[in-house]
Amino acid sequence: MKRTVRPYGDKKNDGAVQVSFTLPVAKSALATEAAKRYVSQMGIRDPYVTLAEPIAPDFTFFVVYGRATHEVDLSAISAEEAPAGALTRDEIDAEIARRFGRRLIVLGCALESDAHTVGLDAIFNMKGFAGDYGLERYHGFDARNLGAQVPVAEVARRIREAAADAVLVSATVTQNEIHVRHLTDLVDMLEAERLRDKVVLVAGGARVDHALAKELGYDAGFGPGTTASVVAAFLLEEISRRQGVA
C-alpha cells in the first residue's frame, strides 16, 4: 500500500522546509536574490531568506525557508538498522559474565589522517553521552581507546596482540571520500592477515550508516547521536554469534 509523506511545518503535508548553504558572493541584494532563485530551482515554492550572513570576503551564508512540492513514498523504501537489544548496562555486564566468563576486549580508533574522535570518545569514556555511560564504565568490556590518526597497520597489530573481540572505527566521511578508503584499507589488511573473521568491525560517525558500513565490509554502522549502550548491546550479541556462545 502506497504511503507518501511530505515535510511538516504548521500543518500536515504543508511541505515546509529550511535550507542552509553558502554562495561565493558578497552579501548584497544581488546575493539574496540569487539565493532565492537557487532554492526555487530545487523545486521549493515561496522561498524566503531569513538569514544572509557574510562569513568571509565574497562569501555569504544563507538560511532560506520555503515549501517543498514533492513527496516520498515510504512503502517503496527499504532501509536497515544495526540490530541492538534494549538492555541496561548492568544487564549487559551480567550477560557477558555468564556467556564468556571474561571481559570482552574492544579497541577504538580513528584511522590514518582522521583526527575526529568526539563520537569515539563519547562511546568509550566513562562520562559517555546524553546520560548514557561509555564502555570504559562497563565491567564486561576491556575498552581501549587508541585515539586519532592510527595507522591501519598499527590497528591490525593491536588486534593480533590483544586478541581483540571487536574494533570500533570512528570516521568522518568527507566529500572526496578519503576516509572511506581508510575504512576499506583496514578491512583489506585484516583479510590479508586472516584476522577479519576473528573480530567484529563497527564503523561510526558523520555520514556513516548501517548500509554504508555493510557495503564497506563492516558488521555494523552507527550514525551521529548513537549512545554507548546501543553499541554495547550490539557487541554482546554479535560477538556471541561470531563465537558461537549463547
C-alpha atoms as a PDB file:
ATOM      1  CA  MET A   1       0.000   0.000   0.000  1.00  0.00           C
ATOM      2  CA  LYS A   2       1.406   3.364  -1.034  1.00  0.00           C
ATOM      3  CA  ARG A   3       2.261   5.662   1.878  1.00  0.00           C
ATOM      4  CA  THR A   4       3.531   9.112   0.971  1.00  0.00           C
ATOM      5  CA  VAL A   5       4.845  11.852   3.240  1.00  0.00           C
ATOM      6  CA  ARG A   6       5.854  15.476   2.847  1.00  0.00           C
ATOM      7  CA  PRO A   7       7.633  17.748   5.360  1.00  0.00           C
ATOM      8  CA  TYR A   8       5.539  19.121   8.220  1.00  0.00           C
ATOM      9  CA  GLY A   9       5.658  22.734   9.418  1.00  0.00           C
ATOM     10  CA  ASP A  10       2.425  24.297  10.666  1.00  0.00           C
ATOM     11  CA  LYS A  11       0.127  21.598   9.366  1.00  0.00           C
ATOM     12  CA  LYS A  12       0.335  18.134   7.870  1.00  0.00           C
ATOM     13  CA  ASN A  13       1.866  17.931   4.382  1.00  0.00           C
ATOM     14  CA  ASP A  14       2.417  21.675   4.037  1.00  0.00           C
ATOM     15  CA  GLY A  15       5.930  20.915   2.772  1.00  0.00           C
ATOM     16  CA  ALA A  16       7.669  23.492   4.974  1.00  0.00           C
ATOM     17  CA  VAL A  17      11.465  23.151   4.773  1.00  0.00           C
ATOM     18  CA  GLN A  18      14.579  25.043   5.829  1.00  0.00           C
ATOM     19  CA  VAL A  19      17.641  25.078   3.578  1.00  0.00           C
ATOM     20  CA  SER A  20      21.068  26.436   4.506  1.00  0.00           C
ATOM     21  CA  PHE A  21      24.053  26.928   2.215  1.00  0.00           C
ATOM     22  CA  THR A  22      26.870  29.291   1.266  1.00  0.00           C
ATOM     23  CA  LEU A  23      27.225  31.180  -2.008  1.00  0.00           C
ATOM     24  CA  PRO A  24      30.585  32.575  -3.196  1.00  0.00           C
ATOM     25  CA  VAL A  25      29.103  36.065  -3.446  1.00  0.00           C
ATOM     26  CA  ALA A  26      29.485  39.101  -1.174  1.00  0.00           C
ATOM     27  CA  LYS A  27      26.414  39.966   0.902  1.00  0.00           C
ATOM     28  CA  SER A  28      24.124  42.167  -1.185  1.00  0.00           C
ATOM     29  CA  ALA A  29      20.649  42.378  -2.678  1.00  0.00           C
ATOM     30  CA  LEU A  30      22.039  40.510  -5.667  1.00  0.00           C
ATOM     31  CA  ALA A  31      23.295  37.673  -3.450  1.00  0.00           C
ATOM     32  CA  THR A  32      19.938  37.403  -1.667  1.00  0.00           C
ATOM     33  CA  GLU A  33      18.049  37.219  -4.934  1.00  0.00           C
ATOM     34  CA  ALA A  34      20.492  34.604  -6.212  1.00  0.00           C
ATOM     35  CA  ALA A  35      19.843  32.508  -3.086  1.00  0.00           C
ATOM     36  CA  LYS A  36      16.072  32.705  -3.602  1.00  0.00           C
ATOM     37  CA  ARG A  37      16.363  31.692  -7.245  1.00  0.00           C
ATOM     38  CA  TYR A  38      18.699  28.840  -6.406  1.00  0.00           C
ATOM     39  CA  VAL A  39      16.213  27.437  -3.910  1.00  0.00           C
ATOM     40  CA  SER A  40      13.380  27.880  -6.419  1.00  0.00           C
ATOM     41  CA  GLN A  41      15.285  25.732  -8.897  1.00  0.00           C
ATOM     42  CA  MET A  42      15.359  22.990  -6.247  1.00  0.00           C
ATOM     43  CA  GLY A  43      11.579  22.775  -6.560  1.00  0.00           C
ATOM     44  CA  ILE A  44      10.821  24.762  -3.401  1.00  0.00           C
ATOM     45  CA  ARG A  45       7.977  27.295  -3.625  1.00  0.00           C
ATOM     46  CA  ASP A  46       7.792  30.701  -1.959  1.00  0.00           C
ATOM     47  CA  PRO A  47      11.438  30.896  -0.839  1.00  0.00           C
ATOM     48  CA  TYR A  48      12.053  33.400   1.928  1.00  0.00           C
ATOM     49  CA  VAL A  49      15.569  34.354   3.066  1.00  0.00           C
ATOM     50  CA  THR A  50      15.639  34.567   6.879  1.00  0.00           C
ATOM     51  CA  LEU A  51      19.400  34.928   7.246  1.00  0.00           C
ATOM     52  CA  ALA A  52      22.122  36.309   4.986  1.00  0.00           C
ATOM     53  CA  GLU A  53      25.386  36.493   6.891  1.00  0.00           C
ATOM     54  CA  PRO A  54      28.844  37.289   5.449  1.00  0.00           C
ATOM     55  CA  ILE A  55      31.331  34.659   6.603  1.00  0.00           C
ATOM     56  CA  ALA A  56      34.358  35.752   4.564  1.00  0.00           C
ATOM     57  CA  PRO A  57      35.152  38.251   1.815  1.00  0.00           C
ATOM     58  CA  ASP A  58      32.897  37.402  -1.118  1.00  0.00           C
ATOM     59  CA  PHE A  59      31.100  34.566   0.724  1.00  0.00           C
ATOM     60  CA  THR A  60      27.587  34.691   2.235  1.00  0.00           C
ATOM     61  CA  PHE A  61      25.813  32.090   4.344  1.00  0.00           C
ATOM     62  CA  PHE A  62      22.032  31.795   3.828  1.00  0.00           C
ATOM     63  CA  VAL A  63      19.113  30.239   5.644  1.00  0.00           C
ATOM     64  CA  VAL A  64      16.042  30.031   3.408  1.00  0.00           C
ATOM     65  CA  TYR A  65      12.515  28.818   4.200  1.00  0.00           C
ATOM     66  CA  GLY A  66      10.046  27.541   1.626  1.00  0.00           C
ATOM     67  CA  ARG A  67       7.573  24.805   0.699  1.00  0.00           C
ATOM     68  CA  ALA A  68       8.599  21.566  -0.976  1.00  0.00           C
ATOM     69  CA  THR A  69       6.250  20.281  -3.644  1.00  0.00           C
ATOM     70  CA  HIS A  70       7.429  16.688  -3.865  1.00  0.00           C
ATOM     71  CA  GLU A  71       6.774  13.762  -1.539  1.00  0.00           C
ATOM     72  CA  VAL A  72       8.325  10.424  -0.617  1.00  0.00           C
ATOM     73  CA  ASP A  73       6.655   7.016  -0.814  1.00  0.00           C
ATOM     74  CA  LEU A  74       7.625   5.197   2.404  1.00  0.00           C
ATOM     75  CA  SER A  75       6.257   1.909   1.095  1.00  0.00           C
ATOM     76  CA  ALA A  76       8.885   1.924  -1.679  1.00  0.00           C
ATOM     77  CA  ILE A  77      11.836   2.344   0.705  1.00  0.00           C
ATOM     78  CA  SER A  78      13.929  -0.457   2.140  1.00  0.00           C
ATOM     79  CA  ALA A  79      16.261   0.548   4.984  1.00  0.00           C
ATOM     80  CA  GLU A  80      18.168  -1.471   7.569  1.00  0.00           C
ATOM     81  CA  GLU A  81      19.478  -0.528  11.006  1.00  0.00           C
ATOM     82  CA  ALA A  82      22.158  -2.254  13.002  1.00  0.00           C
ATOM     83  CA  PRO A  83      20.402  -4.714  15.336  1.00  0.00           C
ATOM     84  CA  ALA A  84      20.740  -3.932  19.028  1.00  0.00           C
ATOM     85  CA  GLY A  85      18.791  -5.172  22.016  1.00  0.00           C
ATOM     86  CA  ALA A  86      17.309  -2.889  24.674  1.00  0.00           C
ATOM     87  CA  LEU A  87      19.494  -3.914  27.623  1.00  0.00           C
ATOM     88  CA  THR A  88      20.785  -1.862  30.524  1.00  0.00           C
ATOM     89  CA  ARG A  89      24.475  -1.593  31.420  1.00  0.00           C
ATOM     90  CA  ASP A  90      24.034  -3.979  34.349  1.00  0.00           C
ATOM     91  CA  GLU A  91      22.196  -6.484  32.155  1.00  0.00           C
ATOM     92  CA  ILE A  92      24.905  -6.357  29.502  1.00  0.00           C
ATOM     93  CA  ASP A  93      27.640  -6.841  32.121  1.00  0.00           C
ATOM     94  CA  ALA A  94      25.763  -9.801  33.578  1.00  0.00           C
ATOM     95  CA  GLU A  95      25.301 -11.428  30.182  1.00  0.00           C
ATOM     96  CA  ILE A  96      28.985 -11.008  29.283  1.00  0.00           C
ATOM     97  CA  ALA A  97      29.961 -12.656  32.574  1.00  0.00           C
ATOM     98  CA  ARG A  98      27.508 -15.508  32.048  1.00  0.00           C
ATOM     99  CA  ARG A  99      28.283 -16.159  28.392  1.00  0.00           C
ATOM    100  CA  PHE A 100      32.043 -15.592  28.283  1.00  0.00           C
ATOM    101  CA  GLY A 101      33.365 -15.638  31.846  1.00  0.00           C
ATOM    102  CA  ARG A 102      35.827 -12.881  30.883  1.00  0.00           C
ATOM    103  CA  ARG A 103      35.938  -9.270  29.750  1.00  0.00           C
ATOM    104  CA  LEU A 104      35.484  -8.586  26.042  1.00  0.00           C
ATOM    105  CA  ILE A 105      38.361  -6.609  24.519  1.00  0.00           C
ATOM    106  CA  VAL A 106      37.189  -3.684  22.392  1.00  0.00           C
ATOM    107  CA  LEU A 107      39.566  -1.325  20.580  1.00  0.00           C
ATOM    108  CA  GLY A 108      38.571   2.091  19.262  1.00  0.00           C
ATOM    109  CA  CYS A 109      40.305   4.436  16.835  1.00  0.00           C
ATOM    110  CA  ALA A 110      40.150   6.948  14.019  1.00  0.00           C
ATOM    111  CA  LEU A 111      42.301   5.856  11.086  1.00  0.00           C
ATOM    112  CA  GLU A 112      45.258   7.447   9.300  1.00  0.00           C
ATOM    113  CA  SER A 113      44.564  11.158   8.605  1.00  0.00           C
ATOM    114  CA  ASP A 114      41.264  11.224  10.504  1.00  0.00           C
ATOM    115  CA  ALA A 115      41.645  13.303  13.681  1.00  0.00           C
ATOM    116  CA  HIS A 116      37.952  13.420  14.665  1.00  0.00           C
ATOM    117  CA  THR A 117      37.300  11.483  17.869  1.00  0.00           C
ATOM    118  CA  VAL A 118      34.384  13.298  19.533  1.00  0.00           C
ATOM    119  CA  GLY A 119      31.954  10.467  18.757  1.00  0.00           C
ATOM    120  CA  LEU A 120      34.510   7.789  19.590  1.00  0.00           C
ATOM    121  CA  ASP A 121      35.254   9.414  22.944  1.00  0.00           C
ATOM    122  CA  ALA A 122      31.530   9.609  23.724  1.00  0.00           C
ATOM    123  CA  ILE A 123      31.203   5.856  23.171  1.00  0.00           C
ATOM    124  CA  PHE A 124      34.335   4.924  25.126  1.00  0.00           C
ATOM    125  CA  ASN A 125      34.906   7.298  28.035  1.00  0.00           C
ATOM    126  CA  MET A 126      33.210   6.872  31.393  1.00  0.00           C
ATOM    127  CA  LYS A 127      31.168  10.058  31.090  1.00  0.00           C
ATOM    128  CA  GLY A 128      29.540   8.800  27.917  1.00  0.00           C
ATOM    129  CA  PHE A 129      26.948  10.846  26.050  1.00  0.00           C
ATOM    130  CA  ALA A 130      23.423  12.080  26.811  1.00  0.00           C
ATOM    131  CA  GLY A 131      23.418  10.430  30.240  1.00  0.00           C
ATOM    132  CA  ASP A 132      24.496   7.091  28.783  1.00  0.00           C
ATOM    133  CA  TYR A 133      27.809   5.871  30.251  1.00  0.00           C
ATOM    134  CA  GLY A 134      30.648   4.825  27.925  1.00  0.00           C
ATOM    135  CA  LEU A 135      32.203   1.388  27.517  1.00  0.00           C
ATOM    136  CA  GLU A 136      35.005   2.155  29.990  1.00  0.00           C
ATOM    137  CA  ARG A 137      32.404   2.094  32.787  1.00  0.00           C
ATOM    138  CA  TYR A 138      31.191  -1.429  31.892  1.00  0.00           C
ATOM    139  CA  HIS A 139      32.674  -4.275  33.923  1.00  0.00           C
ATOM    140  CA  GLY A 140      32.271  -6.615  30.964  1.00  0.00           C
ATOM    141  CA  PHE A 141      34.395  -4.637  28.491  1.00  0.00           C
ATOM    142  CA  ASP A 142      38.131  -4.027  28.430  1.00  0.00           C
ATOM    143  CA  ALA A 143      37.711  -0.847  26.384  1.00  0.00           C
ATOM    144  CA  ARG A 144      40.888   0.606  24.859  1.00  0.00           C
ATOM    145  CA  ASN A 145      40.591   3.904  23.013  1.00  0.00           C
ATOM    146  CA  LEU A 146      43.638   4.165  20.730  1.00  0.00           C
ATOM    147  CA  GLY A 147      42.783   7.731  19.697  1.00  0.00           C
ATOM    148  CA  ALA A 148      43.139   9.548  16.388  1.00  0.00           C
ATOM    149  CA  GLN A 149      45.252   9.110  13.266  1.00  0.00           C
ATOM    150  CA  VAL A 150      46.150   5.500  13.999  1.00  0.00           C
ATOM    151  CA  PRO A 151      47.792   3.755  11.009  1.00  0.00           C
ATOM    152  CA  VAL A 152      45.879   0.797   9.624  1.00  0.00           C
ATOM    153  CA  ALA A 153      48.905  -1.457  10.134  1.00  0.00           C
ATOM    154  CA  GLU A 154      49.046  -0.406  13.810  1.00  0.00           C
ATOM    155  CA  VAL A 155      45.382  -1.318  14.306  1.00  0.00           C
ATOM    156  CA  ALA A 156      45.986  -4.759  12.797  1.00  0.00           C
ATOM    157  CA  ARG A 157      48.975  -5.261  15.102  1.00  0.00           C
ATOM    158  CA  ARG A 158      46.962  -4.232  18.174  1.00  0.00           C
ATOM    159  CA  ILE A 159      44.141  -6.619  17.199  1.00  0.00           C
ATOM    160  CA  ARG A 160      46.564  -9.504  16.936  1.00  0.00           C
ATOM    161  CA  GLU A 161      48.476  -8.741  20.128  1.00  0.00           C
ATOM    162  CA  ALA A 162      45.387  -8.123  22.250  1.00  0.00           C
ATOM    163  CA  ALA A 163      43.273 -10.887  20.670  1.00  0.00           C
ATOM    164  CA  ALA A 164      40.612  -8.197  20.387  1.00  0.00           C
ATOM    165  CA  ASP A 165      36.982  -9.199  20.123  1.00  0.00           C
ATOM    166  CA  ALA A 166      35.862  -6.011  18.367  1.00  0.00           C
ATOM    167  CA  VAL A 167      37.117  -2.756  16.845  1.00  0.00           C
ATOM    168  CA  LEU A 168      35.113   0.458  16.674  1.00  0.00           C
ATOM    169  CA  VAL A 169      36.319   2.822  13.950  1.00  0.00           C
ATOM    170  CA  SER A 170      35.278   6.466  14.008  1.00  0.00           C
ATOM    171  CA  ALA A 171      35.212   8.010  10.532  1.00  0.00           C
ATOM    172  CA  THR A 172      34.317  11.449   9.263  1.00  0.00           C
ATOM    173  CA  VAL A 173      33.434  10.690   5.644  1.00  0.00           C
ATOM    174  CA  THR A 174      34.383  13.721   3.559  1.00  0.00           C
ATOM    175  CA  GLN A 175      33.156  14.751   0.144  1.00  0.00           C
ATOM    176  CA  ASN A 176      36.225  13.307  -1.556  1.00  0.00           C
ATOM    177  CA  GLU A 177      35.697  10.073   0.438  1.00  0.00           C
ATOM    178  CA  ILE A 178      39.301   9.745   1.596  1.00  0.00           C
ATOM    179  CA  HIS A 179      38.119   8.290   4.892  1.00  0.00           C
ATOM    180  CA  VAL A 180      36.049   5.677   3.095  1.00  0.00           C
ATOM    181  CA  ARG A 181      39.297   4.432   1.620  1.00  0.00           C
ATOM    182  CA  HIS A 182      40.801   4.236   5.104  1.00  0.00           C
ATOM    183  CA  LEU A 183      37.847   2.126   6.234  1.00  0.00           C
ATOM    184  CA  THR A 184      38.251  -0.307   3.353  1.00  0.00           C
ATOM    185  CA  ASP A 185      42.039  -0.392   3.808  1.00  0.00           C
ATOM    186  CA  LEU A 186      41.516  -1.802   7.300  1.00  0.00           C
ATOM    187  CA  VAL A 187      39.151  -4.496   6.032  1.00  0.00           C
ATOM    188  CA  ASP A 188      41.603  -5.432   3.259  1.00  0.00           C
ATOM    189  CA  MET A 189      44.529  -5.690   5.680  1.00  0.00           C
ATOM    190  CA  LEU A 190      42.596  -7.798   8.175  1.00  0.00           C
ATOM    191  CA  GLU A 191      41.511 -10.140   5.412  1.00  0.00           C
ATOM    192  CA  ALA A 192      45.070 -10.413   4.128  1.00  0.00           C
ATOM    193  CA  GLU A 193      46.327 -11.255   7.613  1.00  0.00           C
ATOM    194  CA  ARG A 194      43.438 -13.681   8.252  1.00  0.00           C
ATOM    195  CA  LEU A 195      42.109 -11.624  11.140  1.00  0.00           C
ATOM    196  CA  ARG A 196      38.828 -10.406   9.684  1.00  0.00           C
ATOM    197  CA  ASP A 197      36.762 -13.401  10.772  1.00  0.00           C
ATOM    198  CA  LYS A 198      38.160 -13.174  14.304  1.00  0.00           C
ATOM    199  CA  VAL A 199      36.998  -9.652  15.098  1.00  0.00           C
ATOM    200  CA  VAL A 200      33.735  -7.699  14.957  1.00  0.00           C
ATOM    201  CA  LEU A 201      34.177  -4.471  12.993  1.00  0.00           C
ATOM    202  CA  VAL A 202      31.943  -1.463  13.622  1.00  0.00           C
ATOM    203  CA  ALA A 203      32.098   1.918  11.873  1.00  0.00           C
ATOM    204  CA  GLY A 204      30.529   5.117  13.120  1.00  0.00           C
ATOM    205  CA  GLY A 205      30.476   8.858  12.628  1.00  0.00           C
ATOM    206  CA  ALA A 206      29.125  11.612  10.439  1.00  0.00           C
ATOM    207  CA  ARG A 207      27.776  10.336   7.091  1.00  0.00           C
ATOM    208  CA  VAL A 208      28.099   6.743   8.294  1.00  0.00           C
ATOM    209  CA  ASP A 209      25.071   4.481   8.480  1.00  0.00           C
ATOM    210  CA  HIS A 210      24.483   0.750   8.650  1.00  0.00           C
ATOM    211  CA  ALA A 211      24.072   0.358   4.884  1.00  0.00           C
ATOM    212  CA  LEU A 212      27.370   2.094   4.084  1.00  0.00           C
ATOM    213  CA  ALA A 213      29.244   0.158   6.768  1.00  0.00           C
ATOM    214  CA  LYS A 214      27.954  -3.177   5.462  1.00  0.00           C
ATOM    215  CA  GLU A 215      28.870  -2.188   1.930  1.00  0.00           C
ATOM    216  CA  LEU A 216      32.437  -1.472   3.054  1.00  0.00           C
ATOM    217  CA  GLY A 217      32.802  -4.849   4.774  1.00  0.00           C
ATOM    218  CA  TYR A 218      31.929  -3.946   8.370  1.00  0.00           C
ATOM    219  CA  ASP A 219      29.477  -5.778  10.596  1.00  0.00           C
ATOM    220  CA  ALA A 220      27.532  -2.656  11.553  1.00  0.00           C
ATOM    221  CA  GLY A 221      27.424   1.100  11.236  1.00  0.00           C
ATOM    222  CA  PHE A 222      26.110   3.711  13.659  1.00  0.00           C
ATOM    223  CA  GLY A 223      25.444   7.360  12.864  1.00  0.00           C
ATOM    224  CA  PRO A 224      25.587  10.570  14.897  1.00  0.00           C
ATOM    225  CA  GLY A 225      23.739  10.543  18.216  1.00  0.00           C
ATOM    226  CA  THR A 226      24.302   6.838  18.900  1.00  0.00           C
ATOM    227  CA  THR A 227      24.814   6.081  22.587  1.00  0.00           C
ATOM    228  CA  ALA A 228      27.217   3.580  24.135  1.00  0.00           C
ATOM    229  CA  SER A 229      24.506   1.221  25.401  1.00  0.00           C
ATOM    230  CA  VAL A 230      23.236   0.698  21.847  1.00  0.00           C
ATOM    231  CA  VAL A 231      26.733  -0.200  20.662  1.00  0.00           C
ATOM    232  CA  ALA A 232      27.348  -2.358  23.740  1.00  0.00           C
ATOM    233  CA  ALA A 233      24.155  -4.360  23.168  1.00  0.00           C
ATOM    234  CA  PHE A 234      25.123  -4.941  19.538  1.00  0.00           C
ATOM    235  CA  LEU A 235      28.634  -6.054  20.501  1.00  0.00           C
ATOM    236  CA  LEU A 236      27.264  -8.516  23.053  1.00  0.00           C
ATOM    237  CA  GLU A 237      25.020 -10.231  20.518  1.00  0.00           C
ATOM    238  CA  GLU A 238      27.381 -10.083  17.521  1.00  0.00           C
ATOM    239  CA  ILE A 239      30.407 -11.369  19.425  1.00  0.00           C
ATOM    240  CA  SER A 240      28.219 -14.120  20.894  1.00  0.00           C
ATOM    241  CA  ARG A 241      27.021 -15.076  17.426  1.00  0.00           C
ATOM    242  CA  ARG A 242      30.533 -14.944  15.973  1.00  0.00           C
ATOM    243  CA  GLN A 243      31.990 -17.098  18.730  1.00  0.00           C
ATOM    244  CA  GLY A 244      29.063 -19.497  18.982  1.00  0.00           C
ATOM    245  CA  VAL A 245      28.128 -18.509  22.535  1.00  0.00           C
ATOM    246  CA  ALA A 246      24.524 -18.396  23.764  1.00  0.00           C
END
